[in-house]
C-alpha atoms as a PDB file:
ATOM      1  CA  UNK A   1       0.000   0.000   0.000  1.00  0.00           C
ATOM      2  CA  UNK A   2       1.348   3.422  -0.948  1.00  0.00           C
ATOM      3  CA  UNK A   3       2.221   6.152   1.520  1.00  0.00           C
ATOM      4  CA  UNK A   4       0.142   9.161   0.487  1.00  0.00           C
ATOM      5  CA  UNK A   5       1.161  12.811   0.883  1.00  0.00           C
ATOM      6  CA  UNK A   6      -1.017  15.801  -0.083  1.00  0.00           C
ATOM      7  CA  UNK A   7       0.258  19.407  -0.121  1.00  0.00           C
ATOM      8  CA  UNK A   8      -2.351  22.091   0.590  1.00  0.00           C
ATOM      9  CA  UNK A   9      -2.380  25.868   0.062  1.00  0.00           C
ATOM     10  CA  UNK A  10      -5.248  28.293  -0.560  1.00  0.00           C
ATOM     11  CA  UNK A  11      -6.168  27.944  -4.240  1.00  0.00           C
ATOM     12  CA  UNK A  12      -3.903  25.098  -5.371  1.00  0.00           C
ATOM     13  CA  UNK A  13      -2.284  27.137  -8.155  1.00  0.00           C
ATOM     14  CA  UNK A  14       0.978  28.441  -6.605  1.00  0.00           C
ATOM     15  CA  UNK A  15       2.551  26.956  -3.491  1.00  0.00           C
ATOM     16  CA  UNK A  16       0.999  23.492  -3.245  1.00  0.00           C
ATOM     17  CA  UNK A  17       1.514  22.502  -6.905  1.00  0.00           C
ATOM     18  CA  UNK A  18       5.103  23.707  -6.572  1.00  0.00           C
ATOM     19  CA  UNK A  19       5.598  21.563  -3.467  1.00  0.00           C
ATOM     20  CA  UNK A  20       3.900  18.612  -5.161  1.00  0.00           C
ATOM     21  CA  UNK A  21       6.184  18.799  -8.197  1.00  0.00           C
ATOM     22  CA  UNK A  22       9.381  19.218  -6.176  1.00  0.00           C
ATOM     23  CA  UNK A  23       8.543  16.454  -3.725  1.00  0.00           C
ATOM     24  CA  UNK A  24       7.433  14.032  -6.457  1.00  0.00           C
ATOM     25  CA  UNK A  25      10.819  14.616  -8.130  1.00  0.00           C
ATOM     26  CA  UNK A  26      12.656  13.931  -4.838  1.00  0.00           C
ATOM     27  CA  UNK A  27      10.647  10.735  -4.330  1.00  0.00           C
ATOM     28  CA  UNK A  28      11.524   9.567  -7.855  1.00  0.00           C
ATOM     29  CA  UNK A  29      15.203  10.439  -7.412  1.00  0.00           C
ATOM     30  CA  UNK A  30      15.511   8.067  -4.448  1.00  0.00           C
ATOM     31  CA  UNK A  31      13.444   5.297  -6.052  1.00  0.00           C
ATOM     32  CA  UNK A  32      10.377   5.569  -3.823  1.00  0.00           C
ATOM     33  CA  UNK A  33       7.961   6.529  -6.609  1.00  0.00           C
ATOM     34  CA  UNK A  34       6.298   3.107  -6.483  1.00  0.00           C
ATOM     35  CA  UNK A  35       5.775   3.423  -2.733  1.00  0.00           C
ATOM     36  CA  UNK A  36       4.872   7.100  -2.245  1.00  0.00           C
ATOM     37  CA  UNK A  37       2.000   8.964  -3.933  1.00  0.00           C
ATOM     38  CA  UNK A  38       2.142  12.764  -4.045  1.00  0.00           C
ATOM     39  CA  UNK A  39      -0.614  15.231  -4.889  1.00  0.00           C
ATOM     40  CA  UNK A  40      -1.964  18.627  -3.875  1.00  0.00           C
ATOM     41  CA  UNK A  41      -5.154  20.597  -3.287  1.00  0.00           C
ATOM     42  CA  UNK A  42      -6.463  23.940  -2.067  1.00  0.00           C
ATOM     43  CA  UNK A  43      -8.471  24.853   1.006  1.00  0.00           C
ATOM     44  CA  UNK A  44     -10.884  26.595  -1.383  1.00  0.00           C
ATOM     45  CA  UNK A  45     -12.274  25.699  -4.770  1.00  0.00           C
ATOM     46  CA  UNK A  46     -11.874  29.052  -6.545  1.00  0.00           C
ATOM     47  CA  UNK A  47      -9.435  27.691  -9.116  1.00  0.00           C
ATOM     48  CA  UNK A  48     -10.735  24.133  -9.409  1.00  0.00           C
ATOM     49  CA  UNK A  49     -10.018  22.798 -12.896  1.00  0.00           C
ATOM     50  CA  UNK A  50      -7.455  25.506 -13.683  1.00  0.00           C
ATOM     51  CA  UNK A  51      -3.790  24.895 -14.368  1.00  0.00           C
ATOM     52  CA  UNK A  52      -1.076  26.222 -12.081  1.00  0.00           C
ATOM     53  CA  UNK A  53      -0.300  29.944 -12.152  1.00  0.00           C
ATOM     54  CA  UNK A  54       1.931  30.597 -15.208  1.00  0.00           C
ATOM     55  CA  UNK A  55       4.621  31.991 -12.900  1.00  0.00           C
ATOM     56  CA  UNK A  56       4.613  28.746 -10.913  1.00  0.00           C
ATOM     57  CA  UNK A  57       4.932  26.752 -14.133  1.00  0.00           C
ATOM     58  CA  UNK A  58       7.747  28.994 -15.352  1.00  0.00           C
ATOM     59  CA  UNK A  59       9.788  28.728 -12.149  1.00  0.00           C
ATOM     60  CA  UNK A  60       9.273  24.973 -11.989  1.00  0.00           C
ATOM     61  CA  UNK A  61      10.304  24.380 -15.595  1.00  0.00           C
ATOM     62  CA  UNK A  62      13.311  26.711 -15.344  1.00  0.00           C
ATOM     63  CA  UNK A  63      14.523  24.545 -12.472  1.00  0.00           C
ATOM     64  CA  UNK A  64      13.914  21.172 -14.098  1.00  0.00           C
ATOM     65  CA  UNK A  65      10.529  20.282 -12.569  1.00  0.00           C
ATOM     66  CA  UNK A  66       7.247  19.302 -14.186  1.00  0.00           C
ATOM     67  CA  UNK A  67       4.737  22.152 -14.353  1.00  0.00           C
ATOM     68  CA  UNK A  68       1.673  20.095 -15.350  1.00  0.00           C
ATOM     69  CA  UNK A  69      -1.156  20.559 -12.850  1.00  0.00           C
ATOM     70  CA  UNK A  70      -4.951  20.799 -12.462  1.00  0.00           C
ATOM     71  CA  UNK A  71      -6.232  22.581  -9.334  1.00  0.00           C
ATOM     72  CA  UNK A  72      -8.734  20.984  -6.981  1.00  0.00           C
ATOM     73  CA  UNK A  73     -10.200  21.541  -3.534  1.00  0.00           C
ATOM     74  CA  UNK A  74      -9.305  19.446  -0.491  1.00  0.00           C
ATOM     75  CA  UNK A  75     -12.197  17.480   1.058  1.00  0.00           C
ATOM     76  CA  UNK A  76     -12.489  16.118   4.603  1.00  0.00           C
ATOM     77  CA  UNK A  77     -13.231  12.638   3.228  1.00  0.00           C
ATOM     78  CA  UNK A  78      -9.671  12.480   1.861  1.00  0.00           C
ATOM     79  CA  UNK A  79      -8.149  12.231   5.335  1.00  0.00           C
ATOM     80  CA  UNK A  80      -8.998   8.533   5.528  1.00  0.00           C
ATOM     81  CA  UNK A  81      -6.785   7.737   2.524  1.00  0.00           C
ATOM     82  CA  UNK A  82      -3.913  10.113   3.312  1.00  0.00           C
ATOM     83  CA  UNK A  83      -0.937   9.486   5.570  1.00  0.00           C
ATOM     84  CA  UNK A  84       0.356  13.053   5.661  1.00  0.00           C
ATOM     85  CA  UNK A  85      -1.253  16.406   4.820  1.00  0.00           C
ATOM     86  CA  UNK A  86       1.291  19.181   4.354  1.00  0.00           C
ATOM     87  CA  UNK A  87       0.070  22.752   4.906  1.00  0.00           C
ATOM     88  CA  UNK A  88       2.008  25.620   3.334  1.00  0.00           C
ATOM     89  CA  UNK A  89       1.195  28.176   6.050  1.00  0.00           C
ATOM     90  CA  UNK A  90      -0.375  28.428   9.511  1.00  0.00           C
ATOM     91  CA  UNK A  91      -3.758  29.474   8.094  1.00  0.00           C
ATOM     92  CA  UNK A  92      -3.915  26.287   6.025  1.00  0.00           C
ATOM     93  CA  UNK A  93      -2.802  24.274   9.047  1.00  0.00           C
ATOM     94  CA  UNK A  94      -5.681  25.638  11.167  1.00  0.00           C
ATOM     95  CA  UNK A  95      -8.238  25.184   8.370  1.00  0.00           C
ATOM     96  CA  UNK A  96      -7.177  21.593   7.722  1.00  0.00           C
ATOM     97  CA  UNK A  97      -7.157  20.645  11.402  1.00  0.00           C
ATOM     98  CA  UNK A  98     -10.671  22.100  11.784  1.00  0.00           C
ATOM     99  CA  UNK A  99     -11.774  20.093   8.739  1.00  0.00           C
ATOM    100  CA  UNK A 100     -10.306  16.840  10.067  1.00  0.00           C
ATOM    101  CA  UNK A 101     -13.047  14.400  11.116  1.00  0.00           C
ATOM    102  CA  UNK A 102     -11.003  12.858  13.964  1.00  0.00           C
ATOM    103  CA  UNK A 103      -8.092  13.831  16.225  1.00  0.00           C
ATOM    104  CA  UNK A 104      -6.010  11.182  14.410  1.00  0.00           C
ATOM    105  CA  UNK A 105      -6.720  12.888  11.111  1.00  0.00           C
ATOM    106  CA  UNK A 106      -5.845  16.311  12.567  1.00  0.00           C
ATOM    107  CA  UNK A 107      -2.512  14.843  13.692  1.00  0.00           C
ATOM    108  CA  UNK A 108      -1.677  14.054  10.047  1.00  0.00           C
ATOM    109  CA  UNK A 109      -1.461  17.792   9.240  1.00  0.00           C
ATOM    110  CA  UNK A 110       2.006  19.368   9.370  1.00  0.00           C
ATOM    111  CA  UNK A 111       3.614  22.583   8.148  1.00  0.00           C
ATOM    112  CA  UNK A 112       6.035  22.063   5.258  1.00  0.00           C
ATOM    113  CA  UNK A 113       8.771  24.277   6.674  1.00  0.00           C
ATOM    114  CA  UNK A 114       8.733  22.336   9.956  1.00  0.00           C
ATOM    115  CA  UNK A 115      10.886  19.873   7.990  1.00  0.00           C
ATOM    116  CA  UNK A 116      13.552  22.547   7.352  1.00  0.00           C
ATOM    117  CA  UNK A 117      15.823  22.982  10.399  1.00  0.00           C
ATOM    118  CA  UNK A 118      17.084  26.309   8.998  1.00  0.00           C
ATOM    119  CA  UNK A 119      13.544  27.771   8.967  1.00  0.00           C
ATOM    120  CA  UNK A 120      13.624  28.619  12.672  1.00  0.00           C
ATOM    121  CA  UNK A 121      10.289  29.941  13.944  1.00  0.00           C
ATOM    122  CA  UNK A 122       9.130  31.294  10.555  1.00  0.00           C
ATOM    123  CA  UNK A 123       7.307  28.253   9.197  1.00  0.00           C
ATOM    124  CA  UNK A 124       5.022  29.905   6.622  1.00  0.00           C
ATOM    125  CA  UNK A 125       5.751  29.768   2.915  1.00  0.00           C
ATOM    126  CA  UNK A 126       4.563  33.259   1.848  1.00  0.00           C
ATOM    127  CA  UNK A 127       1.902  33.439  -0.850  1.00  0.00           C
ATOM    128  CA  UNK A 128       3.627  34.729  -4.012  1.00  0.00           C
ATOM    129  CA  UNK A 129       0.382  35.274  -5.966  1.00  0.00           C
ATOM    130  CA  UNK A 130       0.148  39.062  -5.660  1.00  0.00           C
ATOM    131  CA  UNK A 131       3.851  39.717  -6.203  1.00  0.00           C
ATOM    132  CA  UNK A 132       6.430  39.291  -8.909  1.00  0.00           C
ATOM    133  CA  UNK A 133       8.606  36.410 -10.053  1.00  0.00           C
ATOM    134  CA  UNK A 134      10.997  36.846  -7.118  1.00  0.00           C
ATOM    135  CA  UNK A 135       8.237  35.637  -4.763  1.00  0.00           C
ATOM    136  CA  UNK A 136       7.820  32.469  -6.798  1.00  0.00           C
ATOM    137  CA  UNK A 137      11.571  31.892  -6.840  1.00  0.00           C
ATOM    138  CA  UNK A 138      11.712  32.392  -3.059  1.00  0.00           C
ATOM    139  CA  UNK A 139       8.812  29.980  -2.672  1.00  0.00           C
ATOM    140  CA  UNK A 140      10.692  27.344  -4.682  1.00  0.00           C
ATOM    141  CA  UNK A 141      13.798  27.792  -2.513  1.00  0.00           C
ATOM    142  CA  UNK A 142      11.750  27.261   0.658  1.00  0.00           C
ATOM    143  CA  UNK A 143       9.994  24.228  -0.807  1.00  0.00           C
ATOM    144  CA  UNK A 144      13.275  22.662  -1.928  1.00  0.00           C
ATOM    145  CA  UNK A 145      14.902  23.246   1.458  1.00  0.00           C
ATOM    146  CA  UNK A 146      12.017  21.633   3.350  1.00  0.00           C
ATOM    147  CA  UNK A 147      11.653  18.753   0.894  1.00  0.00           C
ATOM    148  CA  UNK A 148      14.886  17.121   2.016  1.00  0.00           C
ATOM    149  CA  UNK A 149      13.716  16.810   5.633  1.00  0.00           C
ATOM    150  CA  UNK A 150      10.239  15.753   4.542  1.00  0.00           C
ATOM    151  CA  UNK A 151      11.728  13.086   2.295  1.00  0.00           C
ATOM    152  CA  UNK A 152      13.772  11.709   5.202  1.00  0.00           C
ATOM    153  CA  UNK A 153      10.636  11.551   7.395  1.00  0.00           C
ATOM    154  CA  UNK A 154       8.548   9.876   4.687  1.00  0.00           C
ATOM    155  CA  UNK A 155      11.328   7.427   3.855  1.00  0.00           C
ATOM    156  CA  UNK A 156      11.487   6.414   7.523  1.00  0.00           C
ATOM    157  CA  UNK A 157       7.708   5.784   7.542  1.00  0.00           C
ATOM    158  CA  UNK A 158       7.806   3.828   4.283  1.00  0.00           C
ATOM    159  CA  UNK A 159      10.725   1.686   5.417  1.00  0.00           C
ATOM    160  CA  UNK A 160       8.967   1.160   8.763  1.00  0.00           C
ATOM    161  CA  UNK A 161       5.946  -0.278   6.936  1.00  0.00           C
ATOM    162  CA  UNK A 162       8.144  -2.671   4.995  1.00  0.00           C
ATOM    163  CA  UNK A 163       9.863  -3.991   8.123  1.00  0.00           C
END
């Protein structure tokens, strides 16, 4: 059975698709792609059915990642099939924990930057939507930095299941 990770931001067109693409690449690089499933969603459905923001796609492609994406909204019923729900900022964290049907499901929700020891107390990935390209580039840097720690944590869980 696959270990399932879902990244969640507000509209699922900037931060969460970026995190999904980066983390899926990391999972493939270490040969866990058959054991770990990665996707993303938004806390709201405003952009459902849309592709990722063109700036997200541009930054991803310029850095060797896949930019293909279709936005969707996160639903409480998904908790039962997910192992880990990764929020991109504290607002998403609170919204997802409120949405969780059980305390066990709420415990599955974590902040992405909590996996980056260099992040300190600033665990939000800022929303780049209303800014320029530099915000998207900064977002990618934060996502990449946190992905290494997240990958180590997921790998430990996956290997623990196999033991």
